[in-house]
Amino acid sequence: MAVGAVVLAAIAGVWHTGLLEPYYHALLHGNAPDATYYEVLRIAPTASASEIAAAYRTLSREYHPDKTKSLSPAMRDAHTQAFYRVAAAYETLSHDDRRRDYDRQLHQVSKPPSMTWQSRVYLWWWQLWYSMSFETCGYIVCGLGLVTILCEYVLAPIQQRVFRYRYPPSNSDLQQPGSSLYEARLRLQAKYDADAQRHLHHRRATRVR
């Protein structure tokens, strides 16, 4: 259990450094290396010119460098790359001739396989994860790891001591050969028998006199 907590804390630390953050950000928001311009702008291939322009305005504001100053360095770089990809996508899709050429190229590429239900569940999980800030999720995982370590190495020993005094040993513990309680019982019994024999001899000697 403690090992699992340490592993979770290590993952959270790696996440907090920004090594994994940009990858999942790109995966969930259409900025993967193989994403199409439609996926980059988060629009359908049949989107109208007004929808393309609206998507460009929204995403350019979202990824603008002035909006990402509070993020980690890795996330700032990811947002900057996304900003340029959004601009490139708009530059292509906002012109009819360029869009037709681009659509023709897309049709020449083989259609990717549809997502399985496992992939959809996986994607849904990461979308739920990303709905919170990455930094907050990292702190939550670290906190869970620290709480687990605290329970394992601090609270559990205290609980064992408390219950040891509150509940006396069972008869099975006292009668099990090889246990410390069993050996202690044998020593006490031997001492009791020796004292009883000594008192008996003393009483007999007193009567003889």
N, C-alpha and C. Protein backbone atom coordinates (compact mmCIF):
# COMPACT_ATOMS: atom_id res chain seq x y z
N MET A 1 0.83 -1.21 0.00
CA MET A 1 0.00 0.00 0.00
C MET A 1 0.86 1.25 0.00
N ALA A 2 1.91 1.22 0.85
CA ALA A 2 2.80 2.38 0.91
C ALA A 2 3.56 2.56 -0.39
N VAL A 3 3.93 1.43 -1.01
CA VAL A 3 4.64 1.52 -2.29
C VAL A 3 3.75 2.18 -3.35
N GLY A 4 2.47 1.81 -3.35
CA GLY A 4 1.55 2.44 -4.29
C GLY A 4 1.42 3.92 -4.06
N ALA A 5 1.44 4.32 -2.78
CA ALA A 5 1.35 5.75 -2.48
C ALA A 5 2.58 6.49 -2.98
N VAL A 6 3.75 5.88 -2.82
CA VAL A 6 4.98 6.51 -3.31
C VAL A 6 4.95 6.63 -4.83
N VAL A 7 4.45 5.58 -5.50
CA VAL A 7 4.37 5.63 -6.96
C VAL A 7 3.43 6.73 -7.41
N LEU A 8 2.28 6.85 -6.74
CA LEU A 8 1.33 7.92 -7.09
C LEU A 8 1.94 9.29 -6.86
N ALA A 9 2.67 9.42 -5.75
CA ALA A 9 3.32 10.71 -5.48
C ALA A 9 4.37 11.03 -6.54
N ALA A 10 5.10 10.00 -6.99
CA ALA A 10 6.10 10.22 -8.04
C ALA A 10 5.44 10.63 -9.35
N ILE A 11 4.32 9.97 -9.70
CA ILE A 11 3.60 10.35 -10.92
C ILE A 11 3.10 11.78 -10.83
N ALA A 12 2.59 12.13 -9.65
CA ALA A 12 2.11 13.50 -9.48
C ALA A 12 3.25 14.51 -9.61
N GLY A 13 4.43 14.12 -9.08
CA GLY A 13 5.58 15.02 -9.21
C GLY A 13 6.00 15.20 -10.65
N VAL A 14 6.01 14.09 -11.40
CA VAL A 14 6.36 14.20 -12.83
C VAL A 14 5.33 15.03 -13.56
N TRP A 15 4.05 14.82 -13.20
CA TRP A 15 2.98 15.60 -13.83
C TRP A 15 3.17 17.08 -13.54
N HIS A 16 3.52 17.39 -12.29
CA HIS A 16 3.64 18.79 -11.90
C HIS A 16 4.81 19.47 -12.60
N THR A 17 5.83 18.70 -12.96
CA THR A 17 6.96 19.30 -13.67
C THR A 17 6.60 19.64 -15.11
N GLY A 18 5.48 19.13 -15.60
CA GLY A 18 5.02 19.47 -16.94
C GLY A 18 5.46 18.51 -18.02
N LEU A 19 5.98 17.33 -17.64
CA LEU A 19 6.44 16.39 -18.66
C LEU A 19 5.28 15.69 -19.34
N LEU A 20 4.21 15.41 -18.62
CA LEU A 20 3.06 14.72 -19.19
C LEU A 20 1.93 15.66 -19.58
N GLU A 21 1.91 16.82 -18.97
CA GLU A 21 0.80 17.75 -19.17
C GLU A 21 0.58 18.13 -20.63
N PRO A 22 1.60 18.57 -21.36
CA PRO A 22 1.36 18.98 -22.75
C PRO A 22 0.84 17.85 -23.64
N TYR A 23 1.28 16.64 -23.36
CA TYR A 23 0.86 15.52 -24.21
C TYR A 23 -0.65 15.32 -24.11
N TYR A 24 -1.19 15.27 -22.90
CA TYR A 24 -2.62 15.05 -22.75
C TYR A 24 -3.42 16.28 -23.14
N HIS A 25 -2.84 17.44 -22.99
CA HIS A 25 -3.51 18.64 -23.47
C HIS A 25 -3.68 18.57 -24.99
N ALA A 26 -2.64 18.16 -25.68
CA ALA A 26 -2.72 18.04 -27.14
C ALA A 26 -3.69 16.94 -27.55
N LEU A 27 -3.71 15.85 -26.80
CA LEU A 27 -4.58 14.73 -27.14
C LEU A 27 -6.05 15.11 -27.01
N LEU A 28 -6.39 15.84 -25.96
CA LEU A 28 -7.79 16.13 -25.69
C LEU A 28 -8.32 17.31 -26.48
N HIS A 29 -7.46 18.18 -26.96
CA HIS A 29 -7.94 19.41 -27.59
C HIS A 29 -7.59 19.49 -29.07
N GLY A 30 -7.40 18.34 -29.69
CA GLY A 30 -7.22 18.34 -31.14
C GLY A 30 -5.89 18.85 -31.62
N ASN A 31 -4.89 18.92 -30.75
CA ASN A 31 -3.59 19.44 -31.15
C ASN A 31 -2.54 18.35 -31.25
N ALA A 32 -2.99 17.12 -31.40
CA ALA A 32 -2.04 16.03 -31.60
C ALA A 32 -1.33 16.23 -32.93
N PRO A 33 -0.13 15.67 -33.09
CA PRO A 33 0.62 15.89 -34.34
C PRO A 33 -0.14 15.50 -35.60
N ASP A 34 -1.00 14.48 -35.52
CA ASP A 34 -1.73 14.03 -36.70
C ASP A 34 -3.14 14.61 -36.78
N ALA A 35 -3.44 15.63 -36.00
CA ALA A 35 -4.78 16.22 -36.01
C ALA A 35 -4.99 17.01 -37.30
N THR A 36 -6.19 16.95 -37.82
CA THR A 36 -6.53 17.73 -39.01
C THR A 36 -6.81 19.18 -38.61
N TYR A 37 -6.87 20.04 -39.61
CA TYR A 37 -7.17 21.45 -39.32
C TYR A 37 -8.57 21.61 -38.73
N TYR A 38 -9.47 20.74 -39.13
CA TYR A 38 -10.82 20.80 -38.55
C TYR A 38 -10.79 20.43 -37.07
N GLU A 39 -9.97 19.44 -36.73
CA GLU A 39 -9.83 19.05 -35.32
C GLU A 39 -9.12 20.14 -34.53
N VAL A 40 -8.16 20.79 -35.16
CA VAL A 40 -7.46 21.89 -34.47
C VAL A 40 -8.44 23.01 -34.12
N LEU A 41 -9.32 23.33 -35.05
CA LEU A 41 -10.31 24.39 -34.80
C LEU A 41 -11.55 23.87 -34.08
N ARG A 42 -11.63 22.55 -33.87
CA ARG A 42 -12.75 21.92 -33.17
C ARG A 42 -14.08 22.19 -33.89
N ILE A 43 -14.07 21.99 -35.16
CA ILE A 43 -15.27 22.19 -35.97
C ILE A 43 -15.47 20.96 -36.85
N ALA A 44 -16.65 20.86 -37.43
CA ALA A 44 -16.96 19.76 -38.34
C ALA A 44 -16.41 20.06 -39.73
N PRO A 45 -16.12 19.03 -40.51
CA PRO A 45 -15.64 19.27 -41.88
C PRO A 45 -16.64 20.03 -42.75
N THR A 46 -17.90 20.05 -42.34
CA THR A 46 -18.92 20.78 -43.10
C THR A 46 -19.18 22.17 -42.54
N ALA A 47 -18.30 22.67 -41.68
CA ALA A 47 -18.52 23.97 -41.04
C ALA A 47 -18.54 25.09 -42.07
N SER A 48 -19.35 26.08 -41.78
CA SER A 48 -19.46 27.24 -42.68
C SER A 48 -18.32 28.21 -42.42
N ALA A 49 -18.21 29.22 -43.27
CA ALA A 49 -17.15 30.22 -43.12
C ALA A 49 -17.31 30.99 -41.82
N SER A 50 -18.55 31.28 -41.43
CA SER A 50 -18.77 32.00 -40.18
C SER A 50 -18.38 31.15 -38.98
N GLU A 51 -18.65 29.85 -39.04
CA GLU A 51 -18.26 28.96 -37.94
C GLU A 51 -16.74 28.85 -37.85
N ILE A 52 -16.08 28.82 -38.98
CA ILE A 52 -14.61 28.77 -38.97
C ILE A 52 -14.04 30.04 -38.35
N ALA A 53 -14.59 31.18 -38.72
CA ALA A 53 -14.10 32.44 -38.17
C ALA A 53 -14.37 32.53 -36.67
N ALA A 54 -15.55 32.07 -36.23
CA ALA A 54 -15.87 32.11 -34.80
C ALA A 54 -14.95 31.19 -34.01
N ALA A 55 -14.68 30.00 -34.55
CA ALA A 55 -13.77 29.08 -33.87
C ALA A 55 -12.37 29.66 -33.78
N TYR A 56 -11.93 30.30 -34.85
CA TYR A 56 -10.59 30.91 -34.83
C TYR A 56 -10.50 32.01 -33.78
N ARG A 57 -11.51 32.85 -33.68
CA ARG A 57 -11.47 33.93 -32.69
C ARG A 57 -11.44 33.36 -31.27
N THR A 58 -12.24 32.34 -31.02
CA THR A 58 -12.29 31.75 -29.68
C THR A 58 -10.96 31.11 -29.30
N LEU A 59 -10.42 30.30 -30.20
CA LEU A 59 -9.19 29.57 -29.87
C LEU A 59 -7.97 30.47 -29.86
N SER A 60 -7.94 31.46 -30.71
CA SER A 60 -6.79 32.37 -30.71
C SER A 60 -6.74 33.15 -29.40
N ARG A 61 -7.89 33.49 -28.86
CA ARG A 61 -7.89 34.15 -27.54
C ARG A 61 -7.49 33.16 -26.45
N GLU A 62 -7.94 31.92 -26.56
CA GLU A 62 -7.62 30.92 -25.54
C GLU A 62 -6.13 30.61 -25.49
N TYR A 63 -5.50 30.50 -26.65
CA TYR A 63 -4.10 30.10 -26.70
C TYR A 63 -3.14 31.28 -26.83
N HIS A 64 -3.64 32.48 -26.79
CA HIS A 64 -2.75 33.63 -26.95
C HIS A 64 -1.71 33.66 -25.83
N PRO A 65 -0.46 33.98 -26.14
CA PRO A 65 0.59 33.98 -25.11
C PRO A 65 0.29 34.88 -23.92
N ASP A 66 -0.47 35.94 -24.12
CA ASP A 66 -0.81 36.80 -22.99
C ASP A 66 -1.74 36.12 -22.00
N LYS A 67 -2.44 35.07 -22.43
CA LYS A 67 -3.38 34.37 -21.56
C LYS A 67 -2.75 33.20 -20.81
N THR A 68 -1.51 32.87 -21.11
CA THR A 68 -0.91 31.66 -20.55
C THR A 68 0.31 31.96 -19.68
N LYS A 69 0.44 33.17 -19.22
CA LYS A 69 1.63 33.52 -18.43
C LYS A 69 1.67 32.81 -17.08
N SER A 70 0.51 32.45 -16.55
CA SER A 70 0.47 31.80 -15.23
C SER A 70 0.68 30.30 -15.30
N LEU A 71 0.80 29.72 -16.49
CA LEU A 71 0.97 28.28 -16.63
C LEU A 71 2.43 27.89 -16.49
N SER A 72 2.65 26.58 -16.40
CA SER A 72 4.02 26.08 -16.32
C SER A 72 4.73 26.31 -17.66
N PRO A 73 6.07 26.32 -17.66
CA PRO A 73 6.80 26.55 -18.93
C PRO A 73 6.42 25.56 -20.02
N ALA A 74 6.26 24.29 -19.66
CA ALA A 74 5.90 23.29 -20.67
C ALA A 74 4.52 23.57 -21.25
N MET A 75 3.59 23.97 -20.41
CA MET A 75 2.24 24.27 -20.90
C MET A 75 2.22 25.55 -21.72
N ARG A 76 3.06 26.51 -21.37
CA ARG A 76 3.13 27.73 -22.19
C ARG A 76 3.63 27.41 -23.59
N ASP A 77 4.63 26.54 -23.68
CA ASP A 77 5.12 26.13 -24.99
C ASP A 77 4.03 25.39 -25.78
N ALA A 78 3.29 24.52 -25.09
CA ALA A 78 2.22 23.79 -25.77
C ALA A 78 1.14 24.73 -26.28
N HIS A 79 0.78 25.73 -25.47
CA HIS A 79 -0.23 26.69 -25.90
C HIS A 79 0.28 27.56 -27.07
N THR A 80 1.57 27.89 -27.04
CA THR A 80 2.13 28.67 -28.14
C THR A 80 2.08 27.89 -29.45
N GLN A 81 2.45 26.62 -29.39
CA GLN A 81 2.37 25.78 -30.59
C GLN A 81 0.93 25.66 -31.07
N ALA A 82 0.00 25.50 -30.12
CA ALA A 82 -1.41 25.41 -30.50
C ALA A 82 -1.89 26.71 -31.14
N PHE A 83 -1.39 27.84 -30.63
CA PHE A 83 -1.78 29.14 -31.19
C PHE A 83 -1.37 29.24 -32.66
N TYR A 84 -0.15 28.82 -32.97
CA TYR A 84 0.31 28.87 -34.36
C TYR A 84 -0.43 27.87 -35.24
N ARG A 85 -0.78 26.71 -34.70
CA ARG A 85 -1.52 25.73 -35.49
C ARG A 85 -2.94 26.23 -35.78
N VAL A 86 -3.54 26.91 -34.81
CA VAL A 86 -4.86 27.49 -35.04
C VAL A 86 -4.80 28.53 -36.15
N ALA A 87 -3.74 29.35 -36.13
CA ALA A 87 -3.59 30.36 -37.18
C ALA A 87 -3.40 29.70 -38.55
N ALA A 88 -2.59 28.63 -38.59
CA ALA A 88 -2.37 27.94 -39.87
C ALA A 88 -3.65 27.28 -40.37
N ALA A 89 -4.42 26.69 -39.44
CA ALA A 89 -5.68 26.06 -39.84
C ALA A 89 -6.66 27.09 -40.39
N TYR A 90 -6.73 28.24 -39.75
CA TYR A 90 -7.65 29.28 -40.22
C TYR A 90 -7.19 29.83 -41.57
N GLU A 91 -5.90 29.97 -41.74
CA GLU A 91 -5.37 30.49 -43.00
C GLU A 91 -5.73 29.57 -44.17
N THR A 92 -5.79 28.28 -43.91
CA THR A 92 -6.13 27.34 -44.97
C THR A 92 -7.63 27.22 -45.19
N LEU A 93 -8.38 27.08 -44.10
CA LEU A 93 -9.81 26.81 -44.23
C LEU A 93 -10.64 28.05 -44.53
N SER A 94 -10.09 29.22 -44.32
CA SER A 94 -10.87 30.44 -44.57
C SER A 94 -10.87 30.84 -46.04
N HIS A 95 -10.03 30.20 -46.86
CA HIS A 95 -9.99 30.48 -48.31
C HIS A 95 -10.58 29.27 -49.04
N ASP A 96 -11.51 29.52 -49.91
CA ASP A 96 -12.22 28.43 -50.58
C ASP A 96 -11.29 27.52 -51.38
N ASP A 97 -10.37 28.10 -52.14
CA ASP A 97 -9.48 27.28 -52.97
C ASP A 97 -8.57 26.42 -52.10
N ARG A 98 -7.99 27.04 -51.09
CA ARG A 98 -7.10 26.28 -50.21
C ARG A 98 -7.87 25.19 -49.46
N ARG A 99 -9.08 25.50 -49.07
CA ARG A 99 -9.88 24.50 -48.36
C ARG A 99 -10.22 23.32 -49.25
N ARG A 100 -10.56 23.58 -50.51
CA ARG A 100 -10.86 22.48 -51.44
C ARG A 100 -9.64 21.59 -51.65
N ASP A 101 -8.48 22.22 -51.82
CA ASP A 101 -7.25 21.43 -51.97
C ASP A 101 -6.97 20.60 -50.72
N TYR A 102 -7.20 21.21 -49.58
CA TYR A 102 -6.94 20.50 -48.32
C TYR A 102 -7.92 19.34 -48.15
N ASP A 103 -9.20 19.58 -48.46
CA ASP A 103 -10.18 18.49 -48.36
C ASP A 103 -9.86 17.35 -49.31
N ARG A 104 -9.35 17.70 -50.49
CA ARG A 104 -8.97 16.66 -51.45
C ARG A 104 -7.84 15.81 -50.89
N GLN A 105 -6.89 16.45 -50.24
CA GLN A 105 -5.79 15.70 -49.63
C GLN A 105 -6.29 14.80 -48.50
N LEU A 106 -7.26 15.29 -47.74
CA LEU A 106 -7.79 14.47 -46.65
C LEU A 106 -8.49 13.23 -47.18
N HIS A 107 -9.22 13.37 -48.27
CA HIS A 107 -9.93 12.22 -48.84
C HIS A 107 -8.97 11.18 -49.39
N GLN A 108 -7.77 11.60 -49.77
CA GLN A 108 -6.79 10.66 -50.29
C GLN A 108 -6.16 9.82 -49.18
N VAL A 109 -6.25 10.33 -47.98
CA VAL A 109 -5.71 9.59 -46.83
C VAL A 109 -6.74 8.56 -46.38
N SER A 110 -6.26 7.40 -46.02
CA SER A 110 -7.19 6.35 -45.57
C SER A 110 -7.92 6.78 -44.32
N LYS A 111 -9.17 6.38 -44.22
CA LYS A 111 -10.01 6.74 -43.09
C LYS A 111 -9.54 6.02 -41.85
N PRO A 112 -9.32 6.72 -40.75
CA PRO A 112 -8.87 6.06 -39.53
C PRO A 112 -9.97 5.19 -38.94
N PRO A 113 -9.63 4.15 -38.22
CA PRO A 113 -10.65 3.29 -37.61
C PRO A 113 -11.42 4.04 -36.54
N SER A 114 -12.67 3.63 -36.38
CA SER A 114 -13.51 4.27 -35.36
C SER A 114 -13.01 3.89 -33.97
N MET A 115 -13.31 4.74 -33.01
CA MET A 115 -12.86 4.52 -31.64
C MET A 115 -13.64 3.37 -31.00
N THR A 116 -12.94 2.51 -30.29
CA THR A 116 -13.59 1.46 -29.53
C THR A 116 -14.17 2.03 -28.24
N TRP A 117 -14.99 1.23 -27.57
CA TRP A 117 -15.58 1.74 -26.34
C TRP A 117 -14.52 1.92 -25.26
N GLN A 118 -13.44 1.10 -25.31
CA GLN A 118 -12.36 1.30 -24.35
C GLN A 118 -11.68 2.64 -24.56
N SER A 119 -11.48 3.00 -25.84
CA SER A 119 -10.85 4.29 -26.13
C SER A 119 -11.75 5.44 -25.72
N ARG A 120 -13.06 5.27 -25.91
CA ARG A 120 -13.98 6.33 -25.51
C ARG A 120 -14.00 6.51 -24.00
N VAL A 121 -13.98 5.39 -23.27
CA VAL A 121 -13.94 5.49 -21.80
C VAL A 121 -12.65 6.14 -21.37
N TYR A 122 -11.54 5.75 -22.00
CA TYR A 122 -10.25 6.34 -21.66
C TYR A 122 -10.24 7.85 -21.94
N LEU A 123 -10.78 8.24 -23.09
CA LEU A 123 -10.83 9.65 -23.43
C LEU A 123 -11.75 10.41 -22.50
N TRP A 124 -12.88 9.80 -22.15
CA TRP A 124 -13.80 10.46 -21.21
C TRP A 124 -13.13 10.68 -19.87
N TRP A 125 -12.35 9.69 -19.40
CA TRP A 125 -11.67 9.82 -18.12
C TRP A 125 -10.69 10.98 -18.13
N TRP A 126 -9.94 11.10 -19.21
CA TRP A 126 -8.97 12.18 -19.27
C TRP A 126 -9.63 13.53 -19.48
N GLN A 127 -10.78 13.55 -20.13
CA GLN A 127 -11.51 14.80 -20.22
C GLN A 127 -12.03 15.22 -18.85
N LEU A 128 -12.49 14.27 -18.06
CA LEU A 128 -12.92 14.57 -16.69
C LEU A 128 -11.74 15.06 -15.87
N TRP A 129 -10.58 14.40 -16.06
CA TRP A 129 -9.37 14.79 -15.34
C TRP A 129 -8.97 16.21 -15.70
N TYR A 130 -9.06 16.52 -17.01
CA TYR A 130 -8.61 17.83 -17.45
C TYR A 130 -9.61 18.93 -17.10
N SER A 131 -10.85 18.57 -16.75
CA SER A 131 -11.82 19.60 -16.37
C SER A 131 -11.36 20.36 -15.13
N MET A 132 -10.53 19.71 -14.31
CA MET A 132 -9.87 20.40 -13.22
C MET A 132 -8.50 20.85 -13.71
N SER A 133 -7.88 21.76 -12.98
CA SER A 133 -6.55 22.20 -13.38
C SER A 133 -5.55 21.08 -13.12
N PHE A 134 -4.53 20.99 -13.96
CA PHE A 134 -3.54 19.94 -13.80
C PHE A 134 -2.80 20.07 -12.48
N GLU A 135 -2.54 21.28 -12.08
CA GLU A 135 -1.82 21.48 -10.82
C GLU A 135 -2.65 21.00 -9.65
N THR A 136 -3.95 21.27 -9.68
CA THR A 136 -4.83 20.81 -8.61
C THR A 136 -4.87 19.29 -8.54
N CYS A 137 -4.96 18.64 -9.69
CA CYS A 137 -4.96 17.17 -9.71
C CYS A 137 -3.65 16.61 -9.16
N GLY A 138 -2.54 17.24 -9.49
CA GLY A 138 -1.27 16.79 -8.95
C GLY A 138 -1.21 16.90 -7.45
N TYR A 139 -1.72 18.00 -6.91
CA TYR A 139 -1.74 18.16 -5.46
C TYR A 139 -2.67 17.13 -4.81
N ILE A 140 -3.79 16.81 -5.46
CA ILE A 140 -4.71 15.82 -4.90
C ILE A 140 -4.04 14.45 -4.82
N VAL A 141 -3.35 14.06 -5.89
CA VAL A 141 -2.67 12.76 -5.89
C VAL A 141 -1.56 12.73 -4.85
N CYS A 142 -0.79 13.80 -4.75
CA CYS A 142 0.26 13.87 -3.72
C CYS A 142 -0.35 13.78 -2.33
N GLY A 143 -1.46 14.48 -2.13
CA GLY A 143 -2.12 14.43 -0.82
C GLY A 143 -2.59 13.04 -0.47
N LEU A 144 -3.17 12.33 -1.45
CA LEU A 144 -3.60 10.96 -1.20
C LEU A 144 -2.42 10.06 -0.86
N GLY A 145 -1.30 10.26 -1.54
CA GLY A 145 -0.12 9.46 -1.22
C GLY A 145 0.39 9.73 0.18
N LEU A 146 0.42 10.99 0.58
CA LEU A 146 0.88 11.32 1.93
C LEU A 146 -0.07 10.79 2.99
N VAL A 147 -1.37 10.87 2.73
CA VAL A 147 -2.35 10.33 3.69
C VAL A 147 -2.18 8.82 3.83
N THR A 148 -1.93 8.13 2.72
CA THR A 148 -1.73 6.69 2.78
C THR A 148 -0.50 6.33 3.59
N ILE A 149 0.59 7.06 3.37
CA ILE A 149 1.81 6.81 4.14
C ILE A 149 1.58 7.10 5.61
N LEU A 150 0.84 8.17 5.92
CA LEU A 150 0.54 8.51 7.31
C LEU A 150 -0.26 7.39 7.98
N CYS A 151 -1.26 6.86 7.28
CA CYS A 151 -2.07 5.78 7.85
C CYS A 151 -1.25 4.51 8.04
N GLU A 152 -0.34 4.25 7.10
CA GLU A 152 0.41 3.00 7.13
C GLU A 152 1.46 2.98 8.24
N TYR A 153 2.15 4.10 8.44
CA TYR A 153 3.30 4.12 9.33
C TYR A 153 3.07 4.86 10.64
N VAL A 154 1.98 5.60 10.77
CA VAL A 154 1.73 6.34 12.01
C VAL A 154 0.45 5.87 12.69
N LEU A 155 -0.65 5.90 11.97
CA LEU A 155 -1.93 5.57 12.59
C LEU A 155 -2.07 4.07 12.86
N ALA A 156 -1.59 3.24 11.94
CA ALA A 156 -1.73 1.80 12.12
C ALA A 156 -0.99 1.30 13.36
N PRO A 157 0.29 1.70 13.61
CA PRO A 157 0.94 1.27 14.85
C PRO A 157 0.23 1.76 16.10
N ILE A 158 -0.28 3.00 16.07
CA ILE A 158 -1.02 3.51 17.23
C ILE A 158 -2.27 2.68 17.47
N GLN A 159 -2.97 2.35 16.40
CA GLN A 159 -4.18 1.55 16.52
C GLN A 159 -3.87 0.17 17.10
N GLN A 160 -2.77 -0.42 16.68
CA GLN A 160 -2.40 -1.73 17.21
C GLN A 160 -2.13 -1.66 18.71
N ARG A 161 -1.46 -0.61 19.15
CA ARG A 161 -1.18 -0.48 20.58
C ARG A 161 -2.45 -0.26 21.38
N VAL A 162 -3.34 0.57 20.85
CA VAL A 162 -4.59 0.84 21.57
C VAL A 162 -5.42 -0.42 21.71
N PHE A 163 -5.58 -1.17 20.64
CA PHE A 163 -6.39 -2.38 20.70
C PHE A 163 -5.70 -3.48 21.50
N ARG A 164 -4.39 -3.43 21.60
CA ARG A 164 -3.67 -4.43 22.40
C ARG A 164 -4.01 -4.27 23.87
N TYR A 165 -4.13 -3.02 24.35
CA TYR A 165 -4.48 -2.79 25.74
C TYR A 165 -5.99 -2.90 25.98
N ARG A 166 -6.77 -2.60 24.98
CA ARG A 166 -8.22 -2.60 25.16
C ARG A 166 -8.78 -4.01 25.16
N TYR A 167 -8.24 -4.87 24.33
CA TYR A 167 -8.74 -6.23 24.20
C TYR A 167 -7.66 -7.21 24.66
N PRO A 168 -7.94 -8.03 25.69
CA PRO A 168 -6.93 -8.99 26.16
C PRO A 168 -6.68 -10.07 25.12
N PRO A 169 -5.55 -10.76 25.23
CA PRO A 169 -5.25 -11.83 24.28
C PRO A 169 -6.30 -12.93 24.34
N SER A 170 -6.58 -13.52 23.23
CA SER A 170 -7.55 -14.61 23.17
C SER A 170 -6.91 -15.90 23.66
N ASN A 171 -7.76 -16.88 23.95
CA ASN A 171 -7.26 -18.17 24.42
C ASN A 171 -6.40 -18.87 23.37
N SER A 172 -6.72 -18.64 22.10
CA SER A 172 -5.92 -19.26 21.04
C SER A 172 -4.49 -18.72 21.04
N ASP A 173 -4.34 -17.41 21.36
CA ASP A 173 -2.99 -16.84 21.44
C ASP A 173 -2.23 -17.41 22.62
N LEU A 174 -2.94 -17.66 23.72
CA LEU A 174 -2.26 -18.17 24.92
C LEU A 174 -1.90 -19.65 24.78
N GLN A 175 -2.63 -20.38 23.97
CA GLN A 175 -2.43 -21.82 23.87
C GLN A 175 -1.68 -22.24 22.62
N GLN A 176 -1.26 -21.30 21.80
CA GLN A 176 -0.56 -21.64 20.56
C GLN A 176 0.93 -21.82 20.84
N PRO A 177 1.49 -23.02 20.66
CA PRO A 177 2.92 -23.24 20.91
C PRO A 177 3.77 -22.38 19.98
N GLY A 178 4.87 -21.88 20.54
CA GLY A 178 5.79 -21.07 19.75
C GLY A 178 5.53 -19.59 19.85
N SER A 179 4.36 -19.18 20.31
CA SER A 179 4.08 -17.75 20.44
C SER A 179 4.69 -17.22 21.72
N SER A 180 4.95 -15.93 21.75
CA SER A 180 5.56 -15.31 22.92
C SER A 180 4.63 -15.39 24.13
N LEU A 181 3.32 -15.25 23.91
CA LEU A 181 2.37 -15.36 25.01
C LEU A 181 2.36 -16.77 25.59
N TYR A 182 2.47 -17.76 24.71
CA TYR A 182 2.49 -19.14 25.17
C TYR A 182 3.73 -19.42 26.01
N GLU A 183 4.89 -18.95 25.55
CA GLU A 183 6.12 -19.15 26.31
C GLU A 183 6.06 -18.42 27.65
N ALA A 184 5.51 -17.21 27.65
CA ALA A 184 5.39 -16.48 28.92
C ALA A 184 4.46 -17.21 29.88
N ARG A 185 3.40 -17.80 29.36
CA ARG A 185 2.48 -18.56 30.21
C ARG A 185 3.18 -19.76 30.83
N LEU A 186 4.02 -20.45 30.04
CA LEU A 186 4.76 -21.60 30.57
C LEU A 186 5.71 -21.17 31.68
N ARG A 187 6.39 -20.04 31.50
CA ARG A 187 7.32 -19.57 32.53
C ARG A 187 6.57 -19.21 33.82
N LEU A 188 5.45 -18.53 33.67
CA LEU A 188 4.66 -18.17 34.86
C LEU A 188 4.12 -19.41 35.56
N GLN A 189 3.70 -20.41 34.76
CA GLN A 189 3.19 -21.63 35.37
C GLN A 189 4.28 -22.37 36.12
N ALA A 190 5.50 -22.41 35.53
CA ALA A 190 6.62 -23.08 36.21
C ALA A 190 6.98 -22.36 37.50
N LYS A 191 6.98 -21.03 37.46
CA LYS A 191 7.29 -20.26 38.66
C LYS A 191 6.23 -20.48 39.73
N TYR A 192 4.96 -20.54 39.31
CA TYR A 192 3.88 -20.76 40.26
C TYR A 192 4.00 -22.14 40.89
N ASP A 193 4.32 -23.16 40.07
CA ASP A 193 4.47 -24.51 40.61
C ASP A 193 5.64 -24.59 41.58
N ALA A 194 6.75 -23.91 41.27
CA ALA A 194 7.91 -23.93 42.17
C ALA A 194 7.57 -23.26 43.49
N ASP A 195 6.88 -22.13 43.45
CA ASP A 195 6.49 -21.45 44.69
C ASP A 195 5.54 -22.32 45.51
N ALA A 196 4.63 -23.01 44.83
CA ALA A 196 3.69 -23.87 45.56
C ALA A 196 4.42 -25.02 46.24
N GLN A 197 5.38 -25.63 45.55
CA GLN A 197 6.16 -26.71 46.15
C GLN A 197 6.98 -26.22 47.34
N ARG A 198 7.56 -25.04 47.20
CA ARG A 198 8.35 -24.49 48.30
C ARG A 198 7.49 -24.21 49.53
N HIS A 199 6.29 -23.66 49.33
CA HIS A 199 5.40 -23.41 50.46
C HIS A 199 4.93 -24.72 51.10
N LEU A 200 4.71 -25.75 50.26
CA LEU A 200 4.28 -27.04 50.80
C LEU A 200 5.36 -27.66 51.66
N HIS A 201 6.62 -27.63 51.21
CA HIS A 201 7.73 -28.17 52.00
C HIS A 201 7.91 -27.39 53.29
N HIS A 202 7.70 -26.07 53.22
CA HIS A 202 7.86 -25.26 54.42
C HIS A 202 6.79 -25.60 55.46
N ARG A 203 5.56 -25.84 55.02
CA ARG A 203 4.49 -26.19 55.95
C ARG A 203 4.73 -27.55 56.58
N ARG A 204 5.21 -28.51 55.77
CA ARG A 204 5.50 -29.84 56.33
C ARG A 204 6.63 -29.78 57.34
N ALA A 205 7.65 -28.98 57.04
CA ALA A 205 8.77 -28.86 57.99
C ALA A 205 8.31 -28.22 59.29
N THR A 206 7.39 -27.28 59.21
CA THR A 206 6.90 -26.62 60.42
C THR A 206 6.10 -27.59 61.29
N ARG A 207 5.31 -28.48 60.66
CA ARG A 207 4.53 -29.45 61.43
C ARG A 207 5.43 -30.47 62.13
N VAL A 208 6.51 -30.89 61.46
CA VAL A 208 7.42 -31.87 62.06
C VAL A 208 8.04 -31.33 63.33
N ARG A 209 8.39 -30.07 63.35
CA ARG A 209 8.98 -29.47 64.54
C ARG A 209 7.96 -29.42 65.68
